[in-house]
Every structure is written in structure tokens, then in C-alpha cells.
Amino acid sequence: MNAKALFGAGLGLKRELMPQLQARDPITPPSAIDFFEIAPENWIGIGGARARQLAWFAERYPIVAHGLSLSLGGPDPLNEVFLQRVKGFLEQYRIPLYTEHLSYCSANGYLYDLLPIPFTEEAVKHVAARIRRTQDILERRIAVENSSYYVAAPIAEMDELTFIRAVLEEADCNLHLDVNNIYVNSVNFSFDPQEFLRSLPGERIAYIHTAGHLREAEDLVIDTHGAPVIDPVWDLLEETYRLFGVAPTLLERDTNMPPLAELEQEINHIALLQQRHSVTPQKKGAA
């Protein structure tokens, strides 16, 4: 695929930020931001000014597609018509990476929430088969993201870590690692986040998210993407780089959106950690 190489630190391409970004030097992009991420569901089929805006960014930056509605763990049939549209969208905008959540959001219709999959052998085979079919349709390997959750599934034959490893192996797909989700789950379910991280298959990490969250109580954290990243999550990100090497990393911010300059301070911190742990300098170029 003739796509821009994916590397460095990125930001979600929120529509309220697009005018600020486009108002900058049209030739030299902001140095802090190497790529952007979008949800394809929000852009497939758009036309007019919005389509021209997206094309403007796709010409200048690598774009990552992070899906919201595929419902890889759900009981409803996989939406193959939608996947064909995703395939065309990825090709149209030369998007090098498509990721989805290791969760489900449909059962006889969409539920508008990301729910945890039961950690069972049956679920491993169910999800892995759907990932393999997705990869066949898209004709590319995808990455699946470890999810945050707040209530344990009623049936569990294994822990979350074993489940993730089993799905990745059975599906032969990549891992979209969310370090904030590790931290959130570690508080909510009382485990050591560093130990969890060390046990992941680092060779499968293709992409990373980091984000802020809301501390509701001593033993309850909500994954809001609405606050600055805290030190323990930064520590997890740096440990990820130390253990497994540097991978493209996105700052997620979806609510309580601060000025762009504040977001760039956090993106610069990602870049600093990447530089600290890079064996060789990262270079821009074709994939």
C-alpha cells in the first residue's frame, strides 16, 4: 500500500480543532503532531466541505482509523457490508492502520456502549474468527485494543491478560495497546499494572493510546479521555517503550477539550519519551 509511514506522536482529529490546524502554515505541519486518528464511522460517506477538510489532512499527514462499531465480541452477524465500505475508505485516504476495540457494542441492535467480553474459550474462538474474517475482507492485518471495563463479565474461565493473549494468537492480529486502560482496570480490579504490561506480547504491539481519566472513588476510575494524562500512566507508557520499543502513540482527548497548545504540550511529552527510548532516529517516508 502506498501510504505515509506511521510513526511518532499523534492526536485525534476533532472537528473543533481542524480550523486551528488548517490556519497554520499550509506547507510545514505543526512539529509536535506526526499523525491524526479518526473514527471511520464519523467520516464514511461525507461530502462537501467536510470531505475537502479530511482530504486536506490526508494529503499532509498519515491517518489512523480507529473503529467504534464493529462489535468484534458481539452476537450479531459481523457487518460485512460496513467492512467493505471501510475498505474503500481506507484505500481512498491511504490509511495504513485500522484498529478496533476488543469488546462488543451490539446485541439485536447497537447498544451505544463498549461492553466487556466474557473471558472464556468460546469467546476467544468467536472473537478470533471475526477478526480473521475482518482481515480477509480488508486484505490487511488489524490491531485490537485492550478495553477498559467496570463490571466483570458474569462468566470467566481466565483472566483478562490470558484472554487478550489467546485472542491475539488465535486471530493472528496485532495489539493496539491502551496504557490508560491498563491503569483504569488495575484500579477497578486491584492488580499490578506494571506486571500486566510486562506479560503482554510486545512483538504484536502496532499502536498505542494514552489518555486521562476521571477518579470517581479510591477504587473506581472512569475512562473519560477528558483530563490530562497522570504520572502513573506516563510511567506505563515509558515502561512500554523500555520493554518493547517505540510504537506510534496517540494522545486521546474527547471531552473537556483544552486549547490546542495544551494538547501539544502532552504530545511533546510523548515525543520526548519516544526519543529517550528510540534505538535509531525515526524518519519520515513511505511505508
Protein backbone atom coordinates (compact mmCIF):
# COMPACT_ATOMS: atom_id res chain seq x y z
CA MET A 1 0.00 0.00 0.00
CA ASN A 2 1.34 3.42 -0.96
CA ALA A 3 0.65 5.06 2.37
CA LYS A 4 2.52 7.53 4.51
CA ALA A 5 4.66 5.86 7.14
CA LEU A 6 3.17 5.83 10.62
CA PHE A 7 5.48 6.92 13.43
CA GLY A 8 5.80 9.36 16.28
CA ALA A 9 3.08 11.08 18.31
CA GLY A 10 -0.47 11.77 17.17
CA LEU A 11 -3.78 13.37 18.09
CA GLY A 12 -7.43 12.63 17.42
CA LEU A 13 -8.66 14.75 14.51
CA LYS A 14 -11.55 16.54 16.22
CA ARG A 15 -13.65 18.81 14.06
CA GLU A 16 -13.35 21.70 16.53
CA LEU A 17 -9.55 21.56 16.15
CA MET A 18 -9.44 21.36 12.36
CA PRO A 19 -9.77 25.11 11.65
CA GLN A 20 -6.93 25.88 14.10
CA LEU A 21 -4.71 23.31 12.45
CA GLN A 22 -5.54 24.44 8.91
CA ALA A 23 -4.89 28.06 9.81
CA ARG A 24 -1.23 27.28 10.40
CA ASP A 25 1.47 27.23 7.75
CA PRO A 26 -0.05 25.14 4.94
CA ILE A 27 3.33 23.65 3.97
CA THR A 28 5.04 22.98 7.31
CA PRO A 29 2.84 20.97 9.70
CA PRO A 30 2.92 21.50 13.48
CA SER A 31 6.12 19.81 14.60
CA ALA A 32 4.54 18.17 17.65
CA ILE A 33 1.95 16.18 15.71
CA ASP A 34 3.09 13.42 13.35
CA PHE A 35 -0.30 11.83 12.54
CA PHE A 36 -4.03 12.03 13.26
CA GLU A 37 -6.66 9.46 14.18
CA ILE A 38 -10.28 9.36 13.08
CA ALA A 39 -13.28 7.08 13.61
CA PRO A 40 -14.29 5.93 10.11
CA GLU A 41 -17.95 5.80 11.18
CA ASN A 42 -17.87 9.60 11.51
CA TRP A 43 -16.47 10.19 8.03
CA ILE A 44 -17.56 7.45 5.61
CA GLY A 45 -19.95 8.88 3.03
CA ILE A 46 -19.45 12.53 3.88
CA GLY A 47 -19.25 15.08 1.11
CA GLY A 48 -18.86 18.79 0.57
CA ALA A 49 -16.72 20.92 2.86
CA ARG A 50 -16.17 18.12 5.41
CA ALA A 51 -14.80 15.80 2.74
CA ARG A 52 -12.49 18.54 1.50
CA GLN A 53 -11.25 19.10 5.05
CA LEU A 54 -10.44 15.43 5.52
CA ALA A 55 -8.69 15.31 2.15
CA TRP A 56 -6.59 18.31 3.20
CA PHE A 57 -5.32 16.43 6.25
CA ALA A 58 -4.87 13.11 4.44
CA GLU A 59 -2.62 14.82 1.88
CA ARG A 60 -0.35 16.12 4.63
CA TYR A 61 -0.39 13.54 7.42
CA PRO A 62 -0.73 9.82 7.97
CA ILE A 63 -4.22 8.99 9.24
CA VAL A 64 -5.14 6.10 11.56
CA ALA A 65 -8.68 4.68 11.52
CA HIS A 66 -9.91 3.57 14.95
CA GLY A 67 -13.32 1.94 14.67
CA LEU A 68 -16.22 2.26 17.09
CA SER A 69 -18.98 -0.07 15.92
CA LEU A 70 -17.63 -3.35 14.53
CA SER A 71 -18.57 -5.13 17.78
CA LEU A 72 -15.98 -7.87 17.48
CA GLY A 73 -17.28 -9.65 20.56
CA GLY A 74 -20.97 -9.29 19.83
CA PRO A 75 -23.52 -11.99 18.96
CA ASP A 76 -24.95 -10.21 15.90
CA PRO A 77 -23.53 -11.20 12.49
CA LEU A 78 -20.39 -9.33 11.50
CA ASN A 79 -21.37 -6.31 9.40
CA GLU A 80 -19.56 -7.23 6.19
CA VAL A 81 -21.32 -4.55 4.14
CA PHE A 82 -19.90 -1.94 6.51
CA LEU A 83 -16.46 -3.56 6.29
CA GLN A 84 -16.49 -3.26 2.51
CA ARG A 85 -17.19 0.45 2.94
CA VAL A 86 -14.34 0.68 5.45
CA LYS A 87 -12.02 -1.00 2.96
CA GLY A 88 -12.83 1.58 0.31
CA PHE A 89 -12.43 4.39 2.81
CA LEU A 90 -9.00 3.15 3.93
CA GLU A 91 -7.86 2.92 0.33
CA GLN A 92 -9.31 6.31 -0.63
CA TYR A 93 -7.41 8.14 2.12
CA ARG A 94 -4.32 5.88 2.07
CA ILE A 95 -4.79 4.92 5.72
CA PRO A 96 -2.07 2.49 6.85
CA LEU A 97 -3.70 1.18 10.04
CA TYR A 98 -7.20 0.14 11.13
CA THR A 99 -7.87 -0.77 14.76
CA GLU A 100 -10.93 -1.79 16.76
CA HIS A 101 -11.94 -2.48 20.35
CA LEU A 102 -11.71 -5.87 21.99
CA SER A 103 -15.29 -5.51 23.24
CA TYR A 104 -18.82 -5.51 21.86
CA CYS A 105 -21.48 -2.87 21.28
CA SER A 106 -24.37 -4.74 19.68
CA ALA A 107 -26.89 -7.44 20.54
CA ASN A 108 -30.02 -7.35 18.40
CA GLY A 109 -29.09 -3.77 17.56
CA TYR A 110 -26.47 -1.27 18.67
CA LEU A 111 -26.10 -0.58 22.38
CA TYR A 112 -24.05 2.65 22.11
CA ASP A 113 -21.54 1.47 24.68
CA LEU A 114 -18.42 -0.70 24.67
CA LEU A 115 -19.07 -3.75 26.85
CA PRO A 116 -16.64 -6.40 28.13
CA ILE A 117 -16.47 -9.82 26.51
CA PRO A 118 -16.71 -12.88 28.78
CA PHE A 119 -13.22 -14.31 29.29
CA THR A 120 -13.96 -17.82 28.02
CA GLU A 121 -12.52 -20.25 25.47
CA GLU A 122 -15.74 -19.99 23.45
CA ALA A 123 -15.41 -16.20 23.35
CA VAL A 124 -11.76 -16.46 22.26
CA LYS A 125 -12.74 -18.58 19.25
CA HIS A 126 -15.77 -16.39 18.46
CA VAL A 127 -13.84 -13.12 18.53
CA ALA A 128 -10.78 -14.51 16.75
CA ALA A 129 -12.92 -15.85 13.90
CA ARG A 130 -14.49 -12.42 13.46
CA ILE A 131 -11.09 -10.74 13.47
CA ARG A 132 -9.78 -13.17 10.86
CA ARG A 133 -12.82 -12.53 8.68
CA THR A 134 -12.32 -8.77 9.09
CA GLN A 135 -8.71 -9.12 7.99
CA ASP A 136 -9.74 -11.22 4.99
CA ILE A 137 -12.24 -8.57 3.86
CA LEU A 138 -9.90 -5.63 4.43
CA GLU A 139 -6.93 -7.57 3.00
CA ARG A 140 -4.72 -6.32 5.82
CA ARG A 141 -3.83 -7.11 9.40
CA ILE A 142 -5.70 -5.09 12.02
CA ALA A 143 -4.94 -4.30 15.66
CA VAL A 144 -7.38 -4.76 18.54
CA GLU A 145 -7.40 -2.56 21.64
CA ASN A 146 -7.48 -3.77 25.22
CA SER A 147 -10.61 -2.22 26.71
CA SER A 148 -11.47 -0.54 29.98
CA TYR A 149 -14.34 -2.01 31.96
CA TYR A 150 -16.09 -1.52 35.27
CA VAL A 151 -18.09 -4.69 35.89
CA ALA A 152 -16.62 -8.16 35.42
CA ALA A 153 -18.38 -10.40 32.91
CA PRO A 154 -20.65 -12.95 34.65
CA ILE A 155 -18.66 -15.87 33.22
CA ALA A 156 -14.87 -16.06 33.32
CA GLU A 157 -12.62 -19.05 32.67
CA MET A 158 -9.43 -16.96 32.55
CA ASP A 159 -8.18 -13.51 33.48
CA GLU A 160 -8.07 -10.51 31.14
CA LEU A 161 -4.40 -10.93 30.28
CA THR A 162 -4.80 -14.59 29.31
CA PHE A 163 -7.85 -13.69 27.24
CA ILE A 164 -6.04 -10.95 25.31
CA ARG A 165 -3.06 -13.18 24.59
CA ALA A 166 -5.31 -16.03 23.44
CA VAL A 167 -7.31 -13.80 21.06
CA LEU A 168 -4.18 -12.28 19.51
CA GLU A 169 -2.67 -15.73 18.96
CA GLU A 170 -5.85 -17.35 17.62
CA ALA A 171 -6.64 -14.45 15.29
CA ASP A 172 -3.02 -13.72 14.34
CA CYS A 173 -3.62 -9.98 14.63
CA ASN A 174 -1.80 -7.07 16.24
CA LEU A 175 -2.32 -5.35 19.58
CA HIS A 176 -3.50 -1.78 19.90
CA LEU A 177 -2.21 -1.11 23.41
CA ASP A 178 -4.04 1.44 25.55
CA VAL A 179 -1.86 2.12 28.60
CA ASN A 180 -4.54 4.22 30.27
CA ASN A 181 -6.97 1.29 30.03
CA ILE A 182 -4.44 -0.90 31.81
CA TYR A 183 -4.24 1.66 34.61
CA VAL A 184 -8.04 2.08 34.79
CA ASN A 185 -8.61 -1.67 35.04
CA SER A 186 -5.79 -2.08 37.56
CA VAL A 187 -7.55 0.31 39.94
CA ASN A 188 -11.02 -1.08 39.32
CA PHE A 189 -9.95 -4.72 39.69
CA SER A 190 -6.92 -4.46 42.00
CA PHE A 191 -3.97 -5.73 40.01
CA ASP A 192 -0.43 -4.51 39.32
CA PRO A 193 -0.45 -2.55 36.02
CA GLN A 194 3.31 -2.89 35.52
CA GLU A 195 3.12 -6.67 35.89
CA PHE A 196 0.19 -6.79 33.45
CA LEU A 197 2.16 -4.73 30.93
CA ARG A 198 5.26 -6.92 31.22
CA SER A 199 3.19 -10.03 30.41
CA LEU A 200 1.78 -8.71 27.13
CA PRO A 201 3.14 -9.97 23.78
CA GLY A 202 5.19 -6.92 22.92
CA GLU A 203 6.03 -8.18 19.44
CA ARG A 204 2.38 -7.67 18.48
CA ILE A 205 2.11 -4.02 19.59
CA ALA A 206 1.44 -1.91 16.50
CA TYR A 207 -0.09 1.20 18.03
CA ILE A 208 -0.54 2.83 21.44
CA HIS A 209 -3.07 5.11 23.13
CA THR A 210 -2.57 7.19 26.24
CA ALA A 211 -5.20 9.37 27.89
CA GLY A 212 -6.58 10.97 31.01
CA HIS A 213 -9.46 9.71 33.10
CA LEU A 214 -11.81 10.57 35.97
CA ARG A 215 -11.18 9.30 39.51
CA GLU A 216 -14.67 8.69 40.91
CA ALA A 217 -13.52 6.94 44.09
CA GLU A 218 -10.48 5.30 45.61
CA ASP A 219 -11.35 2.05 43.81
CA LEU A 220 -13.18 3.41 40.74
CA VAL A 221 -11.66 5.12 37.69
CA ILE A 222 -13.71 6.06 34.61
CA ASP A 223 -12.02 6.17 31.19
CA THR A 224 -13.32 9.58 30.08
CA HIS A 225 -10.48 10.89 27.87
CA GLY A 226 -11.38 14.22 29.42
CA ALA A 227 -8.36 15.19 31.53
CA PRO A 228 -4.57 15.43 31.30
CA VAL A 229 -2.53 12.22 31.49
CA ILE A 230 -1.40 11.50 35.06
CA ASP A 231 2.09 10.42 36.13
CA PRO A 232 1.33 6.69 36.68
CA VAL A 233 0.02 6.47 33.11
CA TRP A 234 3.05 8.31 31.76
CA ASP A 235 5.16 5.79 33.68
CA LEU A 236 3.31 2.92 31.99
CA LEU A 237 3.91 4.48 28.59
CA GLU A 238 7.61 4.91 29.25
CA GLU A 239 7.87 1.36 30.55
CA THR A 240 6.16 0.16 27.36
CA TYR A 241 8.85 1.84 25.28
CA ARG A 242 11.59 0.47 27.53
CA LEU A 243 10.28 -3.09 27.34
CA PHE A 244 9.04 -3.31 23.77
CA GLY A 245 10.44 -0.37 21.83
CA VAL A 246 8.75 2.72 20.46
CA ALA A 247 5.46 2.48 18.55
CA PRO A 248 3.21 5.22 17.14
CA THR A 249 1.37 6.73 20.10
CA LEU A 250 -1.81 8.80 20.20
CA LEU A 251 -2.97 11.24 22.85
CA GLU A 252 -6.72 10.66 23.28
CA ARG A 253 -8.77 13.68 24.30
CA ASP A 254 -12.52 13.54 23.63
CA THR A 255 -14.14 15.80 26.27
CA ASN A 256 -13.26 19.00 28.15
CA MET A 257 -11.19 19.96 25.14
CA PRO A 258 -8.42 22.41 26.11
CA PRO A 259 -6.66 24.80 23.74
CA LEU A 260 -4.51 23.15 21.10
CA ALA A 261 -1.36 24.48 22.75
CA GLU A 262 -2.12 22.49 25.91
CA LEU A 263 -2.67 19.30 23.92
CA GLU A 264 0.63 19.86 22.15
CA GLN A 265 2.43 20.00 25.50
CA GLU A 266 1.29 16.43 26.17
CA ILE A 267 2.11 15.36 22.63
CA ASN A 268 5.58 16.84 23.07
CA HIS A 269 5.97 14.73 26.20
CA ILE A 270 5.12 11.60 24.19
CA ALA A 271 7.74 12.62 21.63
CA LEU A 272 10.31 13.19 24.39
CA LEU A 273 9.74 9.70 25.81
CA GLN A 274 9.98 8.23 22.32
CA GLN A 275 13.26 9.97 21.66
CA ARG A 276 14.59 8.74 25.00
CA HIS A 277 13.87 5.11 24.09
CA SER A 278 14.49 5.09 20.33
CA VAL A 279 17.43 2.97 19.23
CA THR A 280 17.69 4.89 15.97
CA PRO A 281 16.16 8.21 14.95
CA GLN A 282 12.67 7.92 13.48
CA LYS A 283 12.41 9.07 9.88
CA LYS A 284 9.55 10.20 7.74
CA GLY A 285 8.96 8.40 4.47
CA ALA A 286 6.83 5.97 2.52
CA ALA A 287 5.74 2.72 4.11
